[in-house]
Amino acid sequence: MYILSGLQDAKSSFKTFFGLTAEFSVETSVKQGDPLSPLVYICVADALHAGWKDNPLFDQQTGYQFANDPSLIVSSTGYADDAMIYAMSWEHIWKMHQWTLEFCRVHGFKISPKTKYLISNHKGESDPRWLPSQDGQRIVPLDPSTNFGI
């Protein structure tokens, strides 16, 4: 999942030894290319990845559990501003997507229209397991053999 950031109406607070600070409006941003930009992005993206692992909306862990090592569960991976999420069931993908939508709403992010949604047991064009985009369009599932390039 590729995330585009926007800060209109964004709010933030800091976690301190004494708890969270009062919420404040974010008035400016770090420009892309600024040496601080990747660090700021990682701090925000880390919270998104944490929610994919331990979904706070549903108080549930999600991710893909490996058969040869059940203790190993991978919920998401990321590189720069790209991310991929993994799950064992349609229910978990749906819950992870709900977390993504809520996270984007709160932080003023947008899900890229380049988002791809692959299902290992894809049922063709009639597969009912689509996900809603932020603008109400359908993100339709694709066969795992789909070549989506880089």
N, C-alpha and C. Protein backbone atom coordinates (compact mmCIF):
# COMPACT_ATOMS: atom_id res chain seq x y z
N MET A 1 0.85 -1.16 0.00
CA MET A 1 0.00 0.00 0.00
C MET A 1 0.89 1.23 0.00
N TYR A 2 0.62 2.13 -0.85
CA TYR A 2 1.41 3.34 -1.01
C TYR A 2 0.62 4.46 -0.36
N ILE A 3 1.23 5.22 0.50
CA ILE A 3 0.53 6.26 1.24
C ILE A 3 1.00 7.63 0.77
N LEU A 4 0.07 8.49 0.49
CA LEU A 4 0.35 9.89 0.16
C LEU A 4 -0.04 10.72 1.37
N SER A 5 0.81 11.63 1.80
CA SER A 5 0.48 12.37 3.02
C SER A 5 -0.11 13.74 2.69
N GLY A 6 -0.93 14.21 3.58
CA GLY A 6 -1.50 15.54 3.55
C GLY A 6 -1.75 15.96 4.98
N LEU A 7 -1.54 17.22 5.28
CA LEU A 7 -1.63 17.63 6.68
C LEU A 7 -2.80 18.56 6.97
N GLN A 8 -3.73 18.69 6.07
CA GLN A 8 -4.86 19.57 6.31
C GLN A 8 -5.66 19.07 7.51
N ASP A 9 -5.84 19.92 8.50
CA ASP A 9 -6.59 19.59 9.72
C ASP A 9 -5.94 18.51 10.57
N ALA A 10 -4.64 18.26 10.38
CA ALA A 10 -3.95 17.22 11.16
C ALA A 10 -3.71 17.68 12.59
N LYS A 11 -3.83 16.76 13.51
CA LYS A 11 -3.58 17.00 14.93
C LYS A 11 -2.53 16.02 15.41
N SER A 12 -1.83 16.36 16.47
CA SER A 12 -0.82 15.47 17.01
C SER A 12 -0.67 15.71 18.50
N SER A 13 0.07 14.81 19.16
CA SER A 13 0.46 14.96 20.55
C SER A 13 1.73 14.16 20.74
N PHE A 14 2.42 14.37 21.84
CA PHE A 14 3.65 13.65 22.12
C PHE A 14 3.45 12.75 23.33
N LYS A 15 4.07 11.58 23.28
CA LYS A 15 4.07 10.68 24.41
C LYS A 15 5.29 11.00 25.26
N THR A 16 5.07 11.32 26.52
CA THR A 16 6.17 11.65 27.43
C THR A 16 6.16 10.68 28.61
N PHE A 17 7.12 10.82 29.45
CA PHE A 17 7.20 10.00 30.67
C PHE A 17 5.93 10.17 31.51
N PHE A 18 5.31 11.35 31.45
CA PHE A 18 4.13 11.66 32.26
C PHE A 18 2.82 11.39 31.53
N GLY A 19 2.89 10.86 30.29
CA GLY A 19 1.68 10.59 29.51
C GLY A 19 1.63 11.45 28.27
N LEU A 20 0.48 11.44 27.60
CA LEU A 20 0.33 12.21 26.37
C LEU A 20 0.19 13.70 26.66
N THR A 21 0.79 14.52 25.79
CA THR A 21 0.62 15.97 25.90
C THR A 21 -0.76 16.34 25.36
N ALA A 22 -1.13 17.58 25.54
CA ALA A 22 -2.37 18.06 24.95
C ALA A 22 -2.24 18.02 23.42
N GLU A 23 -3.34 17.78 22.73
CA GLU A 23 -3.34 17.73 21.27
C GLU A 23 -3.08 19.13 20.71
N PHE A 24 -2.35 19.20 19.60
CA PHE A 24 -2.08 20.47 18.94
C PHE A 24 -2.22 20.30 17.43
N SER A 25 -2.48 21.40 16.74
CA SER A 25 -2.60 21.37 15.28
C SER A 25 -1.22 21.32 14.65
N VAL A 26 -1.10 20.54 13.58
CA VAL A 26 0.15 20.49 12.83
C VAL A 26 0.07 21.62 11.80
N GLU A 27 0.97 22.59 11.92
CA GLU A 27 0.91 23.79 11.10
C GLU A 27 1.78 23.72 9.85
N THR A 28 2.78 22.88 9.84
CA THR A 28 3.70 22.80 8.72
C THR A 28 4.19 21.38 8.58
N SER A 29 4.92 21.11 7.53
CA SER A 29 5.43 19.76 7.31
C SER A 29 6.88 19.82 6.89
N VAL A 30 7.50 18.66 6.82
CA VAL A 30 8.86 18.53 6.32
C VAL A 30 8.75 18.20 4.84
N LYS A 31 9.42 18.94 4.00
CA LYS A 31 9.36 18.73 2.56
C LYS A 31 10.06 17.44 2.16
N GLN A 32 9.57 16.81 1.10
CA GLN A 32 10.23 15.64 0.56
C GLN A 32 11.62 16.05 0.10
N GLY A 33 12.61 15.24 0.42
CA GLY A 33 13.99 15.58 0.09
C GLY A 33 14.74 16.16 1.27
N ASP A 34 14.01 16.68 2.26
CA ASP A 34 14.65 17.17 3.48
C ASP A 34 15.25 15.96 4.20
N PRO A 35 16.47 16.06 4.73
CA PRO A 35 17.08 14.91 5.42
C PRO A 35 16.25 14.39 6.59
N LEU A 36 15.39 15.22 7.16
CA LEU A 36 14.54 14.79 8.27
C LEU A 36 13.29 14.04 7.79
N SER A 37 12.93 14.21 6.53
CA SER A 37 11.70 13.64 5.99
C SER A 37 11.57 12.13 6.19
N PRO A 38 12.59 11.32 5.87
CA PRO A 38 12.43 9.86 6.08
C PRO A 38 12.21 9.49 7.53
N LEU A 39 12.87 10.18 8.44
CA LEU A 39 12.71 9.87 9.85
C LEU A 39 11.29 10.18 10.33
N VAL A 40 10.77 11.31 9.93
CA VAL A 40 9.40 11.68 10.30
C VAL A 40 8.42 10.66 9.72
N TYR A 41 8.62 10.30 8.46
CA TYR A 41 7.73 9.34 7.83
C TYR A 41 7.78 7.99 8.55
N ILE A 42 8.96 7.53 8.90
CA ILE A 42 9.10 6.24 9.59
C ILE A 42 8.37 6.25 10.93
N CYS A 43 8.45 7.36 11.64
CA CYS A 43 7.75 7.45 12.94
C CYS A 43 6.25 7.28 12.77
N VAL A 44 5.69 7.87 11.72
CA VAL A 44 4.26 7.75 11.47
C VAL A 44 3.93 6.37 10.91
N ALA A 45 4.71 5.90 9.94
CA ALA A 45 4.45 4.60 9.32
C ALA A 45 4.58 3.47 10.33
N ASP A 46 5.46 3.63 11.31
CA ASP A 46 5.63 2.60 12.33
C ASP A 46 4.32 2.37 13.09
N ALA A 47 3.60 3.44 13.37
CA ALA A 47 2.30 3.31 14.06
C ALA A 47 1.29 2.59 13.17
N LEU A 48 1.34 2.83 11.87
CA LEU A 48 0.44 2.15 10.93
C LEU A 48 0.74 0.65 10.93
N HIS A 49 2.03 0.29 10.85
CA HIS A 49 2.42 -1.12 10.87
C HIS A 49 2.05 -1.79 12.20
N ALA A 50 2.21 -1.07 13.30
CA ALA A 50 1.85 -1.62 14.61
C ALA A 50 0.35 -1.95 14.67
N GLY A 51 -0.47 -1.10 14.07
CA GLY A 51 -1.92 -1.35 14.02
C GLY A 51 -2.29 -2.51 13.13
N TRP A 52 -1.50 -2.77 12.10
CA TRP A 52 -1.76 -3.94 11.26
C TRP A 52 -1.47 -5.22 12.04
N LYS A 53 -0.49 -5.17 12.93
CA LYS A 53 -0.14 -6.34 13.74
C LYS A 53 -1.13 -6.53 14.88
N ASP A 54 -1.34 -5.49 15.67
CA ASP A 54 -2.26 -5.52 16.81
C ASP A 54 -3.34 -4.49 16.54
N ASN A 55 -4.42 -4.92 15.88
CA ASN A 55 -5.45 -4.01 15.41
C ASN A 55 -6.21 -3.39 16.58
N PRO A 56 -6.06 -2.08 16.79
CA PRO A 56 -6.73 -1.44 17.93
C PRO A 56 -8.23 -1.27 17.74
N LEU A 57 -8.72 -1.33 16.51
CA LEU A 57 -10.16 -1.20 16.28
C LEU A 57 -10.92 -2.45 16.71
N PHE A 58 -10.26 -3.60 16.58
CA PHE A 58 -10.91 -4.87 16.86
C PHE A 58 -10.24 -5.63 17.99
N ASP A 59 -9.23 -5.02 18.61
CA ASP A 59 -8.48 -5.64 19.71
C ASP A 59 -8.09 -7.08 19.35
N GLN A 60 -7.42 -7.20 18.21
CA GLN A 60 -7.11 -8.53 17.67
C GLN A 60 -5.78 -8.49 16.93
N GLN A 61 -4.98 -9.55 17.05
CA GLN A 61 -3.77 -9.68 16.26
C GLN A 61 -4.14 -10.22 14.89
N THR A 62 -3.48 -9.68 13.86
CA THR A 62 -3.70 -10.16 12.49
C THR A 62 -2.35 -10.38 11.84
N GLY A 63 -2.34 -11.17 10.79
CA GLY A 63 -1.11 -11.42 10.06
C GLY A 63 -1.11 -12.82 9.48
N TYR A 64 -0.02 -13.16 8.80
CA TYR A 64 0.13 -14.47 8.19
C TYR A 64 0.99 -15.33 9.09
N GLN A 65 0.49 -16.49 9.46
CA GLN A 65 1.19 -17.43 10.34
C GLN A 65 1.79 -18.54 9.49
N PHE A 66 3.08 -18.75 9.61
CA PHE A 66 3.77 -19.77 8.82
C PHE A 66 3.52 -21.16 9.39
N ALA A 67 3.20 -22.11 8.51
CA ALA A 67 2.90 -23.49 8.93
C ALA A 67 4.12 -24.16 9.54
N ASN A 68 5.31 -23.86 9.01
CA ASN A 68 6.52 -24.52 9.52
C ASN A 68 7.07 -23.86 10.79
N ASP A 69 6.51 -22.73 11.18
CA ASP A 69 6.91 -22.06 12.42
C ASP A 69 5.74 -21.20 12.91
N PRO A 70 4.77 -21.81 13.60
CA PRO A 70 3.57 -21.09 14.04
C PRO A 70 3.85 -19.86 14.92
N SER A 71 5.05 -19.80 15.50
CA SER A 71 5.36 -18.63 16.33
C SER A 71 5.72 -17.40 15.48
N LEU A 72 5.95 -17.62 14.18
CA LEU A 72 6.30 -16.53 13.27
C LEU A 72 5.06 -16.02 12.57
N ILE A 73 4.70 -14.78 12.88
CA ILE A 73 3.54 -14.14 12.25
C ILE A 73 4.01 -12.83 11.64
N VAL A 74 3.74 -12.66 10.34
CA VAL A 74 4.11 -11.43 9.64
C VAL A 74 2.82 -10.72 9.25
N SER A 75 2.67 -9.49 9.70
CA SER A 75 1.46 -8.71 9.39
C SER A 75 1.68 -7.75 8.24
N SER A 76 2.88 -7.19 8.16
CA SER A 76 3.15 -6.21 7.12
C SER A 76 4.65 -6.09 6.89
N THR A 77 4.98 -5.61 5.71
CA THR A 77 6.36 -5.24 5.39
C THR A 77 6.29 -3.89 4.69
N GLY A 78 7.39 -3.19 4.72
CA GLY A 78 7.41 -1.90 4.08
C GLY A 78 8.78 -1.54 3.58
N TYR A 79 8.82 -0.71 2.55
CA TYR A 79 10.05 -0.15 2.03
C TYR A 79 9.73 1.26 1.57
N ALA A 80 10.43 2.22 2.15
CA ALA A 80 10.16 3.64 1.87
C ALA A 80 8.68 3.91 2.15
N ASP A 81 7.93 4.39 1.15
CA ASP A 81 6.52 4.69 1.41
C ASP A 81 5.59 3.63 0.81
N ASP A 82 6.12 2.46 0.52
CA ASP A 82 5.31 1.33 0.06
C ASP A 82 5.14 0.35 1.21
N ALA A 83 4.00 -0.31 1.25
CA ALA A 83 3.75 -1.30 2.30
C ALA A 83 2.90 -2.43 1.73
N MET A 84 3.06 -3.61 2.32
CA MET A 84 2.23 -4.76 1.98
C MET A 84 1.71 -5.35 3.28
N ILE A 85 0.44 -5.79 3.27
CA ILE A 85 -0.12 -6.44 4.44
C ILE A 85 -0.45 -7.89 4.08
N TYR A 86 -0.41 -8.76 5.10
CA TYR A 86 -0.61 -10.19 4.91
C TYR A 86 -1.58 -10.70 5.97
N ALA A 87 -2.42 -11.65 5.58
CA ALA A 87 -3.36 -12.23 6.55
C ALA A 87 -3.73 -13.64 6.13
N MET A 88 -4.28 -14.38 7.08
CA MET A 88 -4.69 -15.77 6.85
C MET A 88 -6.14 -15.87 6.36
N SER A 89 -6.91 -14.79 6.51
CA SER A 89 -8.32 -14.87 6.16
C SER A 89 -8.82 -13.55 5.60
N TRP A 90 -9.93 -13.65 4.89
CA TRP A 90 -10.61 -12.46 4.36
C TRP A 90 -11.02 -11.54 5.51
N GLU A 91 -11.50 -12.13 6.61
CA GLU A 91 -11.91 -11.33 7.77
C GLU A 91 -10.75 -10.47 8.27
N HIS A 92 -9.57 -11.04 8.36
CA HIS A 92 -8.42 -10.28 8.87
C HIS A 92 -7.98 -9.19 7.89
N ILE A 93 -8.02 -9.49 6.59
CA ILE A 93 -7.68 -8.44 5.61
C ILE A 93 -8.68 -7.29 5.73
N TRP A 94 -9.96 -7.62 5.85
CA TRP A 94 -10.98 -6.59 5.99
C TRP A 94 -10.72 -5.73 7.23
N LYS A 95 -10.39 -6.37 8.36
CA LYS A 95 -10.11 -5.64 9.59
C LYS A 95 -8.85 -4.77 9.45
N MET A 96 -7.83 -5.31 8.79
CA MET A 96 -6.61 -4.54 8.58
C MET A 96 -6.90 -3.33 7.67
N HIS A 97 -7.76 -3.54 6.69
CA HIS A 97 -8.13 -2.44 5.79
C HIS A 97 -8.94 -1.37 6.55
N GLN A 98 -9.81 -1.80 7.45
CA GLN A 98 -10.56 -0.83 8.25
C GLN A 98 -9.60 0.01 9.09
N TRP A 99 -8.57 -0.61 9.67
CA TRP A 99 -7.54 0.11 10.42
C TRP A 99 -6.84 1.11 9.50
N THR A 100 -6.51 0.67 8.27
CA THR A 100 -5.84 1.55 7.31
C THR A 100 -6.69 2.77 7.00
N LEU A 101 -7.97 2.55 6.74
CA LEU A 101 -8.87 3.67 6.44
C LEU A 101 -8.96 4.65 7.61
N GLU A 102 -9.08 4.12 8.81
CA GLU A 102 -9.19 4.98 10.00
C GLU A 102 -7.88 5.73 10.24
N PHE A 103 -6.76 5.04 10.10
CA PHE A 103 -5.46 5.67 10.28
C PHE A 103 -5.28 6.82 9.27
N CYS A 104 -5.63 6.54 8.01
CA CYS A 104 -5.52 7.57 6.98
C CYS A 104 -6.45 8.75 7.26
N ARG A 105 -7.66 8.46 7.73
CA ARG A 105 -8.60 9.55 8.05
C ARG A 105 -8.05 10.45 9.15
N VAL A 106 -7.54 9.84 10.20
CA VAL A 106 -7.04 10.60 11.35
C VAL A 106 -5.79 11.40 11.00
N HIS A 107 -4.91 10.82 10.17
CA HIS A 107 -3.64 11.47 9.86
C HIS A 107 -3.64 12.25 8.56
N GLY A 108 -4.77 12.32 7.88
CA GLY A 108 -4.85 13.08 6.64
C GLY A 108 -4.10 12.42 5.50
N PHE A 109 -3.95 11.10 5.53
CA PHE A 109 -3.26 10.38 4.46
C PHE A 109 -4.28 9.96 3.40
N LYS A 110 -3.77 9.59 2.24
CA LYS A 110 -4.60 9.05 1.18
C LYS A 110 -3.97 7.75 0.69
N ILE A 111 -4.82 6.76 0.40
CA ILE A 111 -4.34 5.51 -0.18
C ILE A 111 -4.19 5.75 -1.68
N SER A 112 -3.05 5.39 -2.22
CA SER A 112 -2.77 5.61 -3.63
C SER A 112 -3.71 4.81 -4.52
N PRO A 113 -4.11 5.41 -5.63
CA PRO A 113 -4.92 4.64 -6.60
C PRO A 113 -4.12 3.50 -7.23
N LYS A 114 -2.80 3.46 -7.02
CA LYS A 114 -1.96 2.37 -7.54
C LYS A 114 -2.03 1.13 -6.65
N THR A 115 -2.81 1.16 -5.58
CA THR A 115 -2.92 0.04 -4.64
C THR A 115 -3.36 -1.23 -5.37
N LYS A 116 -2.70 -2.34 -5.07
CA LYS A 116 -3.05 -3.65 -5.62
C LYS A 116 -3.48 -4.55 -4.48
N TYR A 117 -4.46 -5.38 -4.73
CA TYR A 117 -5.05 -6.26 -3.73
C TYR A 117 -5.07 -7.67 -4.31
N LEU A 118 -4.17 -8.54 -3.83
CA LEU A 118 -4.03 -9.90 -4.35
C LEU A 118 -4.57 -10.91 -3.35
N ILE A 119 -5.29 -11.93 -3.85
CA ILE A 119 -5.83 -13.00 -3.02
C ILE A 119 -5.32 -14.32 -3.56
N SER A 120 -4.72 -15.15 -2.70
CA SER A 120 -4.13 -16.41 -3.16
C SER A 120 -5.17 -17.36 -3.75
N ASN A 121 -6.40 -17.34 -3.25
CA ASN A 121 -7.45 -18.21 -3.80
C ASN A 121 -8.50 -17.37 -4.54
N HIS A 122 -8.01 -16.48 -5.36
CA HIS A 122 -8.87 -15.56 -6.15
C HIS A 122 -9.88 -16.35 -6.97
N LYS A 123 -11.13 -15.89 -6.99
CA LYS A 123 -12.22 -16.61 -7.65
C LYS A 123 -12.62 -15.96 -8.98
N GLY A 124 -11.75 -15.17 -9.57
CA GLY A 124 -12.06 -14.53 -10.85
C GLY A 124 -12.80 -13.23 -10.66
N GLU A 125 -13.35 -12.73 -11.76
CA GLU A 125 -14.02 -11.42 -11.74
C GLU A 125 -15.23 -11.37 -10.84
N SER A 126 -15.80 -12.54 -10.52
CA SER A 126 -16.99 -12.57 -9.66
C SER A 126 -16.64 -12.64 -8.17
N ASP A 127 -15.34 -12.58 -7.84
CA ASP A 127 -14.94 -12.66 -6.42
C ASP A 127 -15.54 -11.49 -5.65
N PRO A 128 -16.32 -11.79 -4.61
CA PRO A 128 -17.02 -10.74 -3.88
C PRO A 128 -16.16 -10.02 -2.82
N ARG A 129 -14.90 -10.38 -2.67
CA ARG A 129 -14.09 -9.84 -1.58
C ARG A 129 -13.37 -8.56 -1.96
N TRP A 130 -14.11 -7.54 -2.35
CA TRP A 130 -13.53 -6.24 -2.67
C TRP A 130 -13.45 -5.40 -1.41
N LEU A 131 -12.63 -4.38 -1.45
CA LEU A 131 -12.46 -3.46 -0.32
C LEU A 131 -12.84 -2.05 -0.75
N PRO A 132 -13.43 -1.27 0.14
CA PRO A 132 -13.78 0.11 -0.23
C PRO A 132 -12.56 1.03 -0.18
N SER A 133 -12.45 1.88 -1.18
CA SER A 133 -11.40 2.90 -1.14
C SER A 133 -11.92 4.09 -0.32
N GLN A 134 -11.09 5.08 -0.13
CA GLN A 134 -11.51 6.24 0.66
C GLN A 134 -12.61 7.03 -0.02
N ASP A 135 -12.68 6.97 -1.34
CA ASP A 135 -13.70 7.73 -2.06
C ASP A 135 -14.91 6.87 -2.44
N GLY A 136 -14.99 5.65 -1.87
CA GLY A 136 -16.14 4.79 -2.10
C GLY A 136 -16.01 3.86 -3.29
N GLN A 137 -14.93 3.98 -4.07
CA GLN A 137 -14.71 3.08 -5.19
C GLN A 137 -14.33 1.69 -4.65
N ARG A 138 -14.39 0.70 -5.49
CA ARG A 138 -14.02 -0.66 -5.11
C ARG A 138 -12.56 -0.94 -5.43
N ILE A 139 -11.87 -1.51 -4.46
CA ILE A 139 -10.54 -2.06 -4.71
C ILE A 139 -10.80 -3.55 -4.92
N VAL A 140 -10.74 -3.99 -6.17
CA VAL A 140 -11.12 -5.37 -6.50
C VAL A 140 -9.92 -6.29 -6.37
N PRO A 141 -10.17 -7.54 -5.95
CA PRO A 141 -9.06 -8.48 -5.81
C PRO A 141 -8.53 -8.92 -7.15
N LEU A 142 -7.23 -9.24 -7.16
CA LEU A 142 -6.56 -9.72 -8.36
C LEU A 142 -5.97 -11.10 -8.08
N ASP A 143 -5.75 -11.85 -9.15
CA ASP A 143 -5.12 -13.15 -9.05
C ASP A 143 -3.66 -12.96 -8.62
N PRO A 144 -3.12 -13.87 -7.81
CA PRO A 144 -1.73 -13.70 -7.35
C PRO A 144 -0.70 -13.77 -8.46
N SER A 145 -1.07 -14.26 -9.64
CA SER A 145 -0.13 -14.28 -10.76
C SER A 145 -0.07 -12.95 -11.48
N THR A 146 -0.86 -11.97 -11.05
CA THR A 146 -0.87 -10.65 -11.68
C THR A 146 0.50 -10.01 -11.60
N ASN A 147 0.99 -9.52 -12.74
CA ASN A 147 2.25 -8.79 -12.78
C ASN A 147 1.93 -7.31 -12.61
N PHE A 148 2.38 -6.72 -11.51
CA PHE A 148 2.08 -5.32 -11.28
C PHE A 148 3.31 -4.43 -11.34
N GLY A 149 4.47 -5.00 -11.65
CA GLY A 149 5.68 -4.21 -11.87
C GLY A 149 6.06 -3.33 -10.71
N ILE A 150 7.14 -2.66 -10.89
CA ILE A 150 7.65 -1.76 -9.85
C ILE A 150 7.84 -0.39 -10.43
